[in-house]
C-alpha atoms as a PDB file:
ATOM      1  CA  UNK A   1     -43.745-114.115  41.018  1.00  0.00           C
ATOM      2  CA  UNK A   2     -42.400-117.426  42.246  1.00  0.00           C
ATOM      3  CA  UNK A   3     -39.424-118.778  40.388  1.00  0.00           C
ATOM      4  CA  UNK A   4     -39.924-121.977  38.553  1.00  0.00           C
ATOM      5  CA  UNK A   5     -38.405-125.049  40.031  1.00  0.00           C
ATOM      6  CA  UNK A   6     -35.532-125.163  37.547  1.00  0.00           C
ATOM      7  CA  UNK A   7     -34.315-121.627  38.235  1.00  0.00           C
ATOM      8  CA  UNK A   8     -34.517-122.141  41.980  1.00  0.00           C
ATOM      9  CA  UNK A   9     -32.399-125.286  41.838  1.00  0.00           C
ATOM     10  CA  UNK A  10     -29.624-123.478  39.886  1.00  0.00           C
ATOM     11  CA  UNK A  11     -29.446-120.648  42.426  1.00  0.00           C
ATOM     12  CA  UNK A  12     -29.600-123.156  45.279  1.00  0.00           C
ATOM     13  CA  UNK A  13     -26.675-125.120  43.810  1.00  0.00           C
ATOM     14  CA  UNK A  14     -24.522-121.960  43.478  1.00  0.00           C
ATOM     15  CA  UNK A  15     -24.565-121.142  47.193  1.00  0.00           C
ATOM     16  CA  UNK A  16     -22.400-124.048  48.420  1.00  0.00           C
ATOM     17  CA  UNK A  17     -19.930-123.373  45.582  1.00  0.00           C
ATOM     18  CA  UNK A  18     -19.566-119.740  46.628  1.00  0.00           C
ATOM     19  CA  UNK A  19     -19.172-120.756  50.254  1.00  0.00           C
ATOM     20  CA  UNK A  20     -16.518-123.354  49.438  1.00  0.00           C
ATOM     21  CA  UNK A  21     -14.609-120.867  47.252  1.00  0.00           C
ATOM     22  CA  UNK A  22     -14.504-118.283  50.035  1.00  0.00           C
ATOM     23  CA  UNK A  23     -13.355-120.874  52.540  1.00  0.00           C
ATOM     24  CA  UNK A  24     -10.614-121.943  50.140  1.00  0.00           C
ATOM     25  CA  UNK A  25      -9.403-118.392  49.757  1.00  0.00           C
ATOM     26  CA  UNK A  26      -9.371-117.799  53.498  1.00  0.00           C
ATOM     27  CA  UNK A  27      -7.527-121.076  54.037  1.00  0.00           C
ATOM     28  CA  UNK A  28      -4.971-120.220  51.340  1.00  0.00           C
ATOM     29  CA  UNK A  29      -4.346-116.779  52.827  1.00  0.00           C
ATOM     30  CA  UNK A  30      -3.972-118.234  56.300  1.00  0.00           C
ATOM     31  CA  UNK A  31      -1.565-120.858  54.999  1.00  0.00           C
ATOM     32  CA  UNK A  32       0.565-118.228  53.223  1.00  0.00           C
ATOM     33  CA  UNK A  33       0.642-116.065  56.351  1.00  0.00           C
ATOM     34  CA  UNK A  34       1.706-119.032  58.451  1.00  0.00           C
ATOM     35  CA  UNK A  35       4.479-119.986  56.014  1.00  0.00           C
ATOM     36  CA  UNK A  36       5.691-116.371  55.908  1.00  0.00           C
ATOM     37  CA  UNK A  37       5.846-116.181  59.714  1.00  0.00           C
ATOM     38  CA  UNK A  38       7.655-119.508  59.941  1.00  0.00           C
ATOM     39  CA  UNK A  39      10.256-118.467  57.346  1.00  0.00           C
ATOM     40  CA  UNK A  40      10.701-115.083  59.054  1.00  0.00           C
ATOM     41  CA  UNK A  41      11.253-116.744  62.408  1.00  0.00           C
ATOM     42  CA  UNK A  42      13.641-119.246  60.886  1.00  0.00           C
ATOM     43  CA  UNK A  43      15.584-116.458  59.187  1.00  0.00           C
ATOM     44  CA  UNK A  44      15.741-114.493  62.428  1.00  0.00           C
ATOM     45  CA  UNK A  45      17.102-117.530  64.230  1.00  0.00           C
ATOM     46  CA  UNK A  46      19.844-118.034  61.621  1.00  0.00           C
ATOM     47  CA  UNK A  47      23.125-116.456  62.783  1.00  0.00           C
ATOM     48  CA  UNK A  48      24.055-113.455  60.627  1.00  0.00           C
ATOM     49  CA  UNK A  49      27.393-113.766  58.823  1.00  0.00           C
ATOM     50  CA  UNK A  50      30.108-111.896  60.658  1.00  0.00           C
ATOM     51  CA  UNK A  51      32.896-110.575  58.427  1.00  0.00           C
ATOM     52  CA  UNK A  52      36.375-111.258  59.795  1.00  0.00           C
ATOM     53  CA  UNK A  53      39.112-108.720  59.125  1.00  0.00           C
ATOM     54  CA  UNK A  54      42.809-109.046  59.812  1.00  0.00           C
ATOM     55  CA  UNK A  55      44.489-105.817  60.931  1.00  0.00           C
ATOM     56  CA  UNK A  56      48.248-105.504  61.220  1.00  0.00           C
ATOM     57  CA  UNK A  57      50.018-102.323  62.262  1.00  0.00           C
ATOM     58  CA  UNK A  58      53.723-101.602  62.068  1.00  0.00           C
ATOM     59  CA  UNK A  59      53.508 -99.748  65.390  1.00  0.00           C
ATOM     60  CA  UNK A  60      51.981-100.289  68.866  1.00  0.00           C
ATOM     61  CA  UNK A  61      48.319-100.007  69.982  1.00  0.00           C
ATOM     62  CA  UNK A  62      48.694 -96.535  71.532  1.00  0.00           C
ATOM     63  CA  UNK A  63      50.444 -95.009  68.510  1.00  0.00           C
ATOM     64  CA  UNK A  64      48.042 -96.696  66.137  1.00  0.00           C
ATOM     65  CA  UNK A  65      44.874 -95.762  68.042  1.00  0.00           C
ATOM     66  CA  UNK A  66      43.916 -92.628  65.995  1.00  0.00           C
ATOM     67  CA  UNK A  67      44.184 -94.609  62.746  1.00  0.00           C
ATOM     68  CA  UNK A  68      42.221 -97.558  64.084  1.00  0.00           C
ATOM     69  CA  UNK A  69      39.473 -95.243  65.336  1.00  0.00           C
ATOM     70  CA  UNK A  70      39.224 -93.465  61.981  1.00  0.00           C
ATOM     71  CA  UNK A  71      39.030 -96.771  60.117  1.00  0.00           C
ATOM     72  CA  UNK A  72      36.345 -98.095  62.489  1.00  0.00           C
ATOM     73  CA  UNK A  73      34.404 -94.867  61.995  1.00  0.00           C
ATOM     74  CA  UNK A  74      34.589 -95.353  58.241  1.00  0.00           C
ATOM     75  CA  UNK A  75      33.396 -98.945  58.577  1.00  0.00           C
ATOM     76  CA  UNK A  76      30.450 -97.722  60.640  1.00  0.00           C
ATOM     77  CA  UNK A  77      29.425 -95.398  57.809  1.00  0.00           C
ATOM     78  CA  UNK A  78      29.096 -98.519  55.628  1.00  0.00           C
ATOM     79  CA  UNK A  79      27.098-100.360  58.282  1.00  0.00           C
ATOM     80  CA  UNK A  80      29.914-102.472  59.759  1.00  0.00           C
ATOM     81  CA  UNK A  81      30.006-102.402  63.549  1.00  0.00           C
ATOM     82  CA  UNK A  82      32.787-104.198  65.376  1.00  0.00           C
ATOM     83  CA  UNK A  83      31.373-106.850  67.684  1.00  0.00           C
ATOM     84  CA  UNK A  84      28.103-107.062  65.742  1.00  0.00           C
ATOM     85  CA  UNK A  85      28.597-107.871  62.078  1.00  0.00           C
ATOM     86  CA  UNK A  86      32.373-107.549  61.814  1.00  0.00           C
ATOM     87  CA  UNK A  87      35.204-109.005  63.897  1.00  0.00           C
ATOM     88  CA  UNK A  88      38.691-107.522  63.699  1.00  0.00           C
ATOM     89  CA  UNK A  89      41.825-109.438  64.627  1.00  0.00           C
ATOM     90  CA  UNK A  90      44.544-106.951  65.607  1.00  0.00           C
ATOM     91  CA  UNK A  91      48.280-107.530  65.464  1.00  0.00           C
ATOM     92  CA  UNK A  92      51.029-104.987  66.293  1.00  0.00           C
ATOM     93  CA  UNK A  93      54.676-105.215  65.250  1.00  0.00           C
ATOM     94  CA  UNK A  94      55.687-102.375  67.637  1.00  0.00           C
ATOM     95  CA  UNK A  95      58.245-101.012  65.199  1.00  0.00           C
ATOM     96  CA  UNK A  96      60.041-104.380  64.818  1.00  0.00           C
ATOM     97  CA  UNK A  97      60.204-105.532  61.207  1.00  0.00           C
ATOM     98  CA  UNK A  98      61.396-108.992  62.158  1.00  0.00           C
ATOM     99  CA  UNK A  99      57.951-109.615  63.656  1.00  0.00           C
ATOM    100  CA  UNK A 100      56.108-109.121  60.362  1.00  0.00           C
ATOM    101  CA  UNK A 101      56.320-112.724  59.077  1.00  0.00           C
ATOM    102  CA  UNK A 102      55.101-114.362  62.304  1.00  0.00           C
ATOM    103  CA  UNK A 103      52.258-111.901  62.851  1.00  0.00           C
ATOM    104  CA  UNK A 104      51.097-112.213  59.259  1.00  0.00           C
ATOM    105  CA  UNK A 105      51.249-115.997  59.426  1.00  0.00           C
ATOM    106  CA  UNK A 106      49.021-115.857  62.525  1.00  0.00           C
ATOM    107  CA  UNK A 107      46.489-113.734  60.687  1.00  0.00           C
ATOM    108  CA  UNK A 108      46.478-115.905  57.577  1.00  0.00           C
ATOM    109  CA  UNK A 109      45.789-119.004  59.682  1.00  0.00           C
ATOM    110  CA  UNK A 110      42.599-117.325  60.911  1.00  0.00           C
ATOM    111  CA  UNK A 111      41.365-117.186  57.294  1.00  0.00           C
ATOM    112  CA  UNK A 112      40.097-113.581  57.375  1.00  0.00           C
ATOM    113  CA  UNK A 113      38.015-112.161  54.537  1.00  0.00           C
ATOM    114  CA  UNK A 114      40.762-109.569  54.002  1.00  0.00           C
ATOM    115  CA  UNK A 115      43.800-108.061  55.723  1.00  0.00           C
ATOM    116  CA  UNK A 116      44.256-104.342  56.403  1.00  0.00           C
ATOM    117  CA  UNK A 117      47.905-103.277  56.178  1.00  0.00           C
ATOM    118  CA  UNK A 118      48.612-100.291  58.411  1.00  0.00           C
ATOM    119  CA  UNK A 119      52.202 -99.609  57.462  1.00  0.00           C
ATOM    120  CA  UNK A 120      54.590 -98.930  54.601  1.00  0.00           C
ATOM    121  CA  UNK A 121      56.237-100.885  51.801  1.00  0.00           C
ATOM    122  CA  UNK A 122      58.075-103.482  53.953  1.00  0.00           C
ATOM    123  CA  UNK A 123      54.860-104.509  55.710  1.00  0.00           C
ATOM    124  CA  UNK A 124      52.807-104.513  52.497  1.00  0.00           C
ATOM    125  CA  UNK A 125      55.434-106.615  50.738  1.00  0.00           C
ATOM    126  CA  UNK A 126      55.641-109.024  53.690  1.00  0.00           C
ATOM    127  CA  UNK A 127      51.853-109.471  53.536  1.00  0.00           C
ATOM    128  CA  UNK A 128      51.933-110.150  49.797  1.00  0.00           C
ATOM    129  CA  UNK A 129      54.702-112.702  50.335  1.00  0.00           C
ATOM    130  CA  UNK A 130      52.617-114.426  53.019  1.00  0.00           C
ATOM    131  CA  UNK A 131      49.407-114.783  51.020  1.00  0.00           C
ATOM    132  CA  UNK A 132      48.487-114.477  47.365  1.00  0.00           C
ATOM    133  CA  UNK A 133      44.831-115.407  47.892  1.00  0.00           C
ATOM    134  CA  UNK A 134      43.528-113.297  50.777  1.00  0.00           C
ATOM    135  CA  UNK A 135      42.705-109.725  49.670  1.00  0.00           C
ATOM    136  CA  UNK A 136      45.052-107.064  51.055  1.00  0.00           C
ATOM    137  CA  UNK A 137      43.934-103.467  51.619  1.00  0.00           C
ATOM    138  CA  UNK A 138      46.661-100.803  51.839  1.00  0.00           C
ATOM    139  CA  UNK A 139      45.787 -97.906  54.144  1.00  0.00           C
ATOM    140  CA  UNK A 140      48.112 -95.257  52.704  1.00  0.00           C
ATOM    141  CA  UNK A 141      51.592 -96.051  53.975  1.00  0.00           C
ATOM    142  CA  UNK A 142      54.685 -96.325  51.812  1.00  0.00           C
ATOM    143  CA  UNK A 143      55.746 -94.897  48.484  1.00  0.00           C
ATOM    144  CA  UNK A 144      54.063 -95.065  45.101  1.00  0.00           C
ATOM    145  CA  UNK A 145      52.908 -98.723  44.972  1.00  0.00           C
ATOM    146  CA  UNK A 146      53.513 -98.880  41.218  1.00  0.00           C
ATOM    147  CA  UNK A 147      57.131 -97.730  41.526  1.00  0.00           C
ATOM    148  CA  UNK A 148      57.579-100.091  44.476  1.00  0.00           C
ATOM    149  CA  UNK A 149      56.330-102.996  42.346  1.00  0.00           C
ATOM    150  CA  UNK A 150      53.395-103.762  44.632  1.00  0.00           C
ATOM    151  CA  UNK A 151      50.703-103.283  41.973  1.00  0.00           C
ATOM    152  CA  UNK A 152      50.687-103.357  38.188  1.00  0.00           C
ATOM    153  CA  UNK A 153      49.028 -99.954  37.890  1.00  0.00           C
ATOM    154  CA  UNK A 154      46.804 -97.716  39.989  1.00  0.00           C
ATOM    155  CA  UNK A 155      43.808 -98.304  37.716  1.00  0.00           C
ATOM    156  CA  UNK A 156      44.238-102.085  37.573  1.00  0.00           C
ATOM    157  CA  UNK A 157      46.375-103.430  40.451  1.00  0.00           C
ATOM    158  CA  UNK A 158      46.420-106.972  39.065  1.00  0.00           C
ATOM    159  CA  UNK A 159      47.240-108.893  42.264  1.00  0.00           C
ATOM    160  CA  UNK A 160      45.601-109.370  45.655  1.00  0.00           C
ATOM    161  CA  UNK A 161      46.403-105.859  46.944  1.00  0.00           C
ATOM    162  CA  UNK A 162      44.581-102.556  46.494  1.00  0.00           C
ATOM    163  CA  UNK A 163      43.588 -99.590  48.654  1.00  0.00           C
ATOM    164  CA  UNK A 164      44.965 -96.117  49.351  1.00  0.00           C
ATOM    165  CA  UNK A 165      48.301 -94.532  48.418  1.00  0.00           C
ATOM    166  CA  UNK A 166      48.991 -91.235  50.184  1.00  0.00           C
ATOM    167  CA  UNK A 167      51.826 -90.009  47.917  1.00  0.00           C
ATOM    168  CA  UNK A 168      53.526 -88.540  50.993  1.00  0.00           C
ATOM    169  CA  UNK A 169      56.988 -88.678  49.454  1.00  0.00           C
ATOM    170  CA  UNK A 170      55.927 -86.383  46.624  1.00  0.00           C
ATOM    171  CA  UNK A 171      55.154 -83.624  49.143  1.00  0.00           C
ATOM    172  CA  UNK A 172      58.706 -83.316  50.491  1.00  0.00           C
ATOM    173  CA  UNK A 173      59.542 -80.143  48.604  1.00  0.00           C
ATOM    174  CA  UNK A 174      56.357 -78.461  49.809  1.00  0.00           C
ATOM    175  CA  UNK A 175      57.172 -79.325  53.422  1.00  0.00           C
ATOM    176  CA  UNK A 176      60.617 -77.731  53.105  1.00  0.00           C
ATOM    177  CA  UNK A 177      59.076 -74.659  51.501  1.00  0.00           C
ATOM    178  CA  UNK A 178      56.577 -74.245  54.335  1.00  0.00           C
ATOM    179  CA  UNK A 179      59.277 -74.734  56.977  1.00  0.00           C
ATOM    180  CA  UNK A 180      61.360 -72.038  55.249  1.00  0.00           C
ATOM    181  CA  UNK A 181      58.371 -69.674  55.266  1.00  0.00           C
ATOM    182  CA  UNK A 182      57.739 -70.364  58.951  1.00  0.00           C
ATOM    183  CA  UNK A 183      61.432 -69.914  59.806  1.00  0.00           C
ATOM    184  CA  UNK A 184      62.812 -67.236  57.442  1.00  0.00           C
ATOM    185  CA  UNK A 185      66.386 -67.599  58.817  1.00  0.00           C
ATOM    186  CA  UNK A 186      66.430 -71.319  58.027  1.00  0.00           C
ATOM    187  CA  UNK A 187      69.595 -72.429  56.185  1.00  0.00           C
ATOM    188  CA  UNK A 188      70.666 -75.897  57.369  1.00  0.00           C
ATOM    189  CA  UNK A 189      68.017 -78.611  57.636  1.00  0.00           C
ATOM    190  CA  UNK A 190      68.750 -81.999  59.188  1.00  0.00           C
ATOM    191  CA  UNK A 191      66.885 -84.881  57.544  1.00  0.00           C
ATOM    192  CA  UNK A 192      66.086 -87.726  59.950  1.00  0.00           C
ATOM    193  CA  UNK A 193      65.348 -91.000  58.151  1.00  0.00           C
ATOM    194  CA  UNK A 194      65.405 -94.792  58.309  1.00  0.00           C
ATOM    195  CA  UNK A 195      67.827 -96.076  55.614  1.00  0.00           C
ATOM    196  CA  UNK A 196      66.031 -99.430  55.426  1.00  0.00           C
ATOM    197  CA  UNK A 197      63.167 -97.743  53.552  1.00  0.00           C
ATOM    198  CA  UNK A 198      63.873 -97.318  49.810  1.00  0.00           C
ATOM    199  CA  UNK A 199      61.395 -94.439  49.558  1.00  0.00           C
ATOM    200  CA  UNK A 200      63.163 -92.516  52.332  1.00  0.00           C
ATOM    201  CA  UNK A 201      66.564 -93.128  50.756  1.00  0.00           C
ATOM    202  CA  UNK A 202      65.253 -91.785  47.438  1.00  0.00           C
ATOM    203  CA  UNK A 203      63.905 -88.722  49.255  1.00  0.00           C
ATOM    204  CA  UNK A 204      67.240 -88.059  50.953  1.00  0.00           C
ATOM    205  CA  UNK A 205      69.385 -88.620  47.858  1.00  0.00           C
ATOM    206  CA  UNK A 206      67.263 -86.973  45.172  1.00  0.00           C
ATOM    207  CA  UNK A 207      63.932 -85.333  46.037  1.00  0.00           C
ATOM    208  CA  UNK A 208      64.868 -83.239  49.070  1.00  0.00           C
ATOM    209  CA  UNK A 209      68.324 -82.020  47.894  1.00  0.00           C
ATOM    210  CA  UNK A 210      66.769 -80.753  44.657  1.00  0.00           C
ATOM    211  CA  UNK A 211      63.985 -78.959  46.531  1.00  0.00           C
ATOM    212  CA  UNK A 212      66.472 -77.560  49.057  1.00  0.00           C
ATOM    213  CA  UNK A 213      68.714 -76.073  46.355  1.00  0.00           C
ATOM    214  CA  UNK A 214      65.743 -74.245  44.859  1.00  0.00           C
ATOM    215  CA  UNK A 215      64.998 -72.768  48.307  1.00  0.00           C
ATOM    216  CA  UNK A 216      68.613 -71.888  49.114  1.00  0.00           C
ATOM    217  CA  UNK A 217      68.813 -74.553  51.838  1.00  0.00           C
ATOM    218  CA  UNK A 218      71.408 -77.158  52.717  1.00  0.00           C
ATOM    219  CA  UNK A 219      70.237 -80.607  53.835  1.00  0.00           C
ATOM    220  CA  UNK A 220      72.116 -82.786  56.332  1.00  0.00           C
ATOM    221  CA  UNK A 221      71.029 -86.464  56.255  1.00  0.00           C
ATOM    222  CA  UNK A 222      70.992 -88.392  59.550  1.00  0.00           C
ATOM    223  CA  UNK A 223      70.290 -92.126  59.668  1.00  0.00           C
ATOM    224  CA  UNK A 224      68.432 -93.864  62.495  1.00  0.00           C
ATOM    225  CA  UNK A 225      68.301 -97.656  62.448  1.00  0.00           C
ATOM    226  CA  UNK A 226      66.895 -98.391  65.908  1.00  0.00           C
ATOM    227  CA  UNK A 227      65.275 -96.730  68.879  1.00  0.00           C
ATOM    228  CA  UNK A 228      68.573 -96.239  70.714  1.00  0.00           C
ATOM    229  CA  UNK A 229      69.981 -93.763  68.202  1.00  0.00           C
ATOM    230  CA  UNK A 230      67.631 -90.774  68.490  1.00  0.00           C
ATOM    231  CA  UNK A 231      69.320 -89.130  71.501  1.00  0.00           C
ATOM    232  CA  UNK A 232      72.741 -89.528  69.853  1.00  0.00           C
ATOM    233  CA  UNK A 233      71.509 -87.894  66.650  1.00  0.00           C
ATOM    234  CA  UNK A 234      70.009 -84.892  68.437  1.00  0.00           C
ATOM    235  CA  UNK A 235      73.184 -84.443  70.464  1.00  0.00           C
ATOM    236  CA  UNK A 236      75.131 -84.368  67.188  1.00  0.00           C
ATOM    237  CA  UNK A 237      72.694 -81.874  65.646  1.00  0.00           C
ATOM    238  CA  UNK A 238      73.689 -79.328  68.291  1.00  0.00           C
ATOM    239  CA  UNK A 239      77.321 -79.555  67.227  1.00  0.00           C
ATOM    240  CA  UNK A 240      76.360 -79.261  63.557  1.00  0.00           C
ATOM    241  CA  UNK A 241      74.284 -76.165  64.351  1.00  0.00           C
ATOM    242  CA  UNK A 242      71.262 -77.264  62.356  1.00  0.00           C
ATOM    243  CA  UNK A 243      68.530 -74.644  62.003  1.00  0.00           C
ATOM    244  CA  UNK A 244      65.660 -77.094  61.668  1.00  0.00           C
ATOM    245  CA  UNK A 245      64.786 -80.713  61.142  1.00  0.00           C
ATOM    246  CA  UNK A 246      62.657 -82.629  58.648  1.00  0.00           C
ATOM    247  CA  UNK A 247      61.578 -86.049  59.934  1.00  0.00           C
ATOM    248  CA  UNK A 248      60.687 -88.688  57.351  1.00  0.00           C
ATOM    249  CA  UNK A 249      58.363 -91.652  57.928  1.00  0.00           C
ATOM    250  CA  UNK A 250      58.364 -95.381  58.515  1.00  0.00           C
ATOM    251  CA  UNK A 251      57.458 -97.741  61.332  1.00  0.00           C
ATOM    252  CA  UNK A 252      60.521 -96.880  63.438  1.00  0.00           C
ATOM    253  CA  UNK A 253      59.848 -93.149  63.195  1.00  0.00           C
ATOM    254  CA  UNK A 254      56.127 -93.557  63.840  1.00  0.00           C
ATOM    255  CA  UNK A 255      56.735 -95.694  66.920  1.00  0.00           C
ATOM    256  CA  UNK A 256      59.056 -92.978  68.292  1.00  0.00           C
ATOM    257  CA  UNK A 257      57.118 -89.922  67.111  1.00  0.00           C
ATOM    258  CA  UNK A 258      56.476 -88.416  70.536  1.00  0.00           C
ATOM    259  CA  UNK A 259      60.067 -89.027  71.559  1.00  0.00           C
ATOM    260  CA  UNK A 260      61.365 -87.248  68.447  1.00  0.00           C
ATOM    261  CA  UNK A 261      59.029 -84.283  68.961  1.00  0.00           C
ATOM    262  CA  UNK A 262      60.188 -83.965  72.595  1.00  0.00           C
ATOM    263  CA  UNK A 263      63.852 -84.059  71.581  1.00  0.00           C
ATOM    264  CA  UNK A 264      63.221 -81.396  68.921  1.00  0.00           C
ATOM    265  CA  UNK A 265      61.619 -79.158  71.540  1.00  0.00           C
ATOM    266  CA  UNK A 266      64.513 -79.643  73.960  1.00  0.00           C
ATOM    267  CA  UNK A 267      66.950 -78.829  71.164  1.00  0.00           C
ATOM    268  CA  UNK A 268      64.835 -75.774  70.238  1.00  0.00           C
ATOM    269  CA  UNK A 269      64.699 -76.977  66.633  1.00  0.00           C
ATOM    270  CA  UNK A 270      61.785 -76.064  64.334  1.00  0.00           C
ATOM    271  CA  UNK A 271      60.539 -79.359  62.921  1.00  0.00           C
ATOM    272  CA  UNK A 272      58.407 -80.540  60.038  1.00  0.00           C
ATOM    273  CA  UNK A 273      57.130 -84.079  59.607  1.00  0.00           C
ATOM    274  CA  UNK A 274      56.202 -86.676  57.030  1.00  0.00           C
ATOM    275  CA  UNK A 275      53.715 -88.010  59.643  1.00  0.00           C
ATOM    276  CA  UNK A 276      50.904 -86.181  61.412  1.00  0.00           C
ATOM    277  CA  UNK A 277      51.137 -87.859  64.839  1.00  0.00           C
ATOM    278  CA  UNK A 278      54.421 -86.246  66.024  1.00  0.00           C
ATOM    279  CA  UNK A 279      52.902 -82.784  65.574  1.00  0.00           C
ATOM    280  CA  UNK A 280      49.976 -83.726  67.801  1.00  0.00           C
ATOM    281  CA  UNK A 281      52.634 -84.877  70.300  1.00  0.00           C
ATOM    282  CA  UNK A 282      54.621 -81.610  70.233  1.00  0.00           C
ATOM    283  CA  UNK A 283      56.236 -81.242  66.797  1.00  0.00           C
ATOM    284  CA  UNK A 284      55.928 -77.927  64.946  1.00  0.00           C
ATOM    285  CA  UNK A 285      54.461 -78.588  61.484  1.00  0.00           C
ATOM    286  CA  UNK A 286      52.801 -81.201  59.329  1.00  0.00           C
ATOM    287  CA  UNK A 287      51.772 -80.865  55.716  1.00  0.00           C
ATOM    288  CA  UNK A 288      50.272 -83.818  53.930  1.00  0.00           C
ATOM    289  CA  UNK A 289      47.239 -85.954  53.403  1.00  0.00           C
ATOM    290  CA  UNK A 290      44.179 -85.410  55.573  1.00  0.00           C
ATOM    291  CA  UNK A 291      44.697 -88.726  57.323  1.00  0.00           C
ATOM    292  CA  UNK A 292      41.310 -88.950  59.014  1.00  0.00           C
ATOM    293  CA  UNK A 293      39.615 -88.628  55.629  1.00  0.00           C
ATOM    294  CA  UNK A 294      42.038 -91.102  54.063  1.00  0.00           C
ATOM    295  CA  UNK A 295      41.571 -93.731  56.769  1.00  0.00           C
ATOM    296  CA  UNK A 296      37.793 -93.454  56.584  1.00  0.00           C
ATOM    297  CA  UNK A 297      38.062 -94.059  52.836  1.00  0.00           C
ATOM    298  CA  UNK A 298      39.697 -97.412  53.576  1.00  0.00           C
ATOM    299  CA  UNK A 299      36.222 -98.650  54.556  1.00  0.00           C
ATOM    300  CA  UNK A 300      35.093 -98.255  50.941  1.00  0.00           C
ATOM    301  CA  UNK A 301      37.579-100.928  49.878  1.00  0.00           C
ATOM    302  CA  UNK A 302      36.563-103.214  52.737  1.00  0.00           C
ATOM    303  CA  UNK A 303      32.905-102.914  51.748  1.00  0.00           C
ATOM    304  CA  UNK A 304      33.591-103.538  48.054  1.00  0.00           C
ATOM    305  CA  UNK A 305      35.688-106.642  48.723  1.00  0.00           C
ATOM    306  CA  UNK A 306      33.237-108.088  51.243  1.00  0.00           C
ATOM    307  CA  UNK A 307      30.543-107.707  48.599  1.00  0.00           C
ATOM    308  CA  UNK A 308      32.563-109.660  46.041  1.00  0.00           C
ATOM    309  CA  UNK A 309      34.853-107.171  44.274  1.00  0.00           C
ATOM    310  CA  UNK A 310      38.282-108.469  43.263  1.00  0.00           C
ATOM    311  CA  UNK A 311      41.280-106.478  44.513  1.00  0.00           C
ATOM    312  CA  UNK A 312      42.973-107.020  41.164  1.00  0.00           C
ATOM    313  CA  UNK A 313      40.240-104.966  39.483  1.00  0.00           C
ATOM    314  CA  UNK A 314      39.628-102.377  42.214  1.00  0.00           C
ATOM    315  CA  UNK A 315      41.648 -99.211  41.422  1.00  0.00           C
ATOM    316  CA  UNK A 316      44.093 -97.874  43.993  1.00  0.00           C
ATOM    317  CA  UNK A 317      43.018 -94.377  45.067  1.00  0.00           C
ATOM    318  CA  UNK A 318      45.117 -91.277  45.567  1.00  0.00           C
ATOM    319  CA  UNK A 319      44.310 -88.634  48.207  1.00  0.00           C
ATOM    320  CA  UNK A 320      42.050 -85.706  47.432  1.00  0.00           C
ATOM    321  CA  UNK A 321      42.294 -83.761  50.726  1.00  0.00           C
ATOM    322  CA  UNK A 322      45.450 -82.270  52.248  1.00  0.00           C
ATOM    323  CA  UNK A 323      46.065 -80.297  55.437  1.00  0.00           C
ATOM    324  CA  UNK A 324      48.580 -77.996  57.066  1.00  0.00           C
ATOM    325  CA  UNK A 325      48.806 -78.405  60.852  1.00  0.00           C
ATOM    326  CA  UNK A 326      50.824 -75.954  62.981  1.00  0.00           C
ATOM    327  CA  UNK A 327      51.530 -76.433  66.672  1.00  0.00           C
ATOM    328  CA  UNK A 328      51.688 -72.921  68.161  1.00  0.00           C
ATOM    329  CA  UNK A 329      52.377 -74.346  71.592  1.00  0.00           C
ATOM    330  CA  UNK A 330      55.553 -75.927  70.206  1.00  0.00           C
ATOM    331  CA  UNK A 331      56.473 -72.664  68.433  1.00  0.00           C
ATOM    332  CA  UNK A 332      56.228 -70.776  71.723  1.00  0.00           C
ATOM    333  CA  UNK A 333      58.416 -73.346  73.499  1.00  0.00           C
ATOM    334  CA  UNK A 334      61.247 -72.931  70.991  1.00  0.00           C
ATOM    335  CA  UNK A 335      60.861 -69.146  70.820  1.00  0.00           C
ATOM    336  CA  UNK A 336      59.520 -69.038  67.265  1.00  0.00           C
ATOM    337  CA  UNK A 337      56.956 -66.553  65.992  1.00  0.00           C
ATOM    338  CA  UNK A 338      55.172 -68.109  63.032  1.00  0.00           C
ATOM    339  CA  UNK A 339      54.467 -65.433  60.357  1.00  0.00           C
ATOM    340  CA  UNK A 340      50.774 -64.511  59.995  1.00  0.00           C
ATOM    341  CA  UNK A 341      50.700 -65.448  56.295  1.00  0.00           C
ATOM    342  CA  UNK A 342      51.729 -69.009  57.190  1.00  0.00           C
ATOM    343  CA  UNK A 343      49.237 -69.259  60.055  1.00  0.00           C
ATOM    344  CA  UNK A 344      46.466 -68.044  57.763  1.00  0.00           C
ATOM    345  CA  UNK A 345      46.986 -71.083  55.518  1.00  0.00           C
ATOM    346  CA  UNK A 346      46.819 -73.619  58.358  1.00  0.00           C
ATOM    347  CA  UNK A 347      43.867 -75.998  58.389  1.00  0.00           C
ATOM    348  CA  UNK A 348      44.437 -76.675  62.072  1.00  0.00           C
ATOM    349  CA  UNK A 349      46.321 -74.722  64.736  1.00  0.00           C
ATOM    350  CA  UNK A 350      47.231 -76.434  68.007  1.00  0.00           C
ATOM    351  CA  UNK A 351      47.329 -73.936  70.883  1.00  0.00           C
END
């Protein structure tokens, strides 16, 4: 049956409308695709923001290398790769405190997003005196930052500094105990320390004597103020007939860690350390924070701050992992047999 003229005209008029609608849709889709491609290309051509970090160490590049590597590894776990999306400006004081102000001023002039402080209280305080606006991340050096007046509290620092506190000073008694277990005949222990550091002075005057009395030990404090005094001190230790030596921390000690370990070996003195590095260089024992884990954790603070967190509201963290490191090679050189029960507790044995 043929359609009447009216019906045919309606159907005939629909066809161009359908055709135009389809063309419009295709055109709209093509336009959207083109805009998307153009924006994608434009975005790709825009330089990605590169975070700039200041990094200041109290020691020299060689001594600091294990810490720097651990921190870079931690940054990589958060997606920050040096030379790609993060630039790090390094400065080294090489154990000279008088260099802190100039090096920090150099870093501040570069306007970094934050400054990593790889050192103890004097360096942290110098950084806070240099800038009150640039975030400062502590990497674990120094004493309790609350007691030192660097932060208001661990949970709410309140200023421009936050980060890690390693609580190394609180472990002094445990280090003496372990040294006594490793050397049962131990009676007189020389304490090597830098008197410029308040935390070390407190250790020598209060913490370590109290721990020593409980262990039946006598402590003999020995000050070192510069790199020329170490040989003199070890020569004197022979005359004093010390049975062992406990070496505290600080930039001066860290910068001379290998030297101290070598002198202890030559003097045939069992040694325990506030710092890990001298044991890797030939010292006998280290008990303290798992530094590799601690330094990697520093990256958490970097990431948080780069993403907008305020240091004043970012809680300072305490360590959760500790380690006992024993250098059996050093023990053999000084003629010491470390008891099996002590070796069994070691997290790492250097042979």
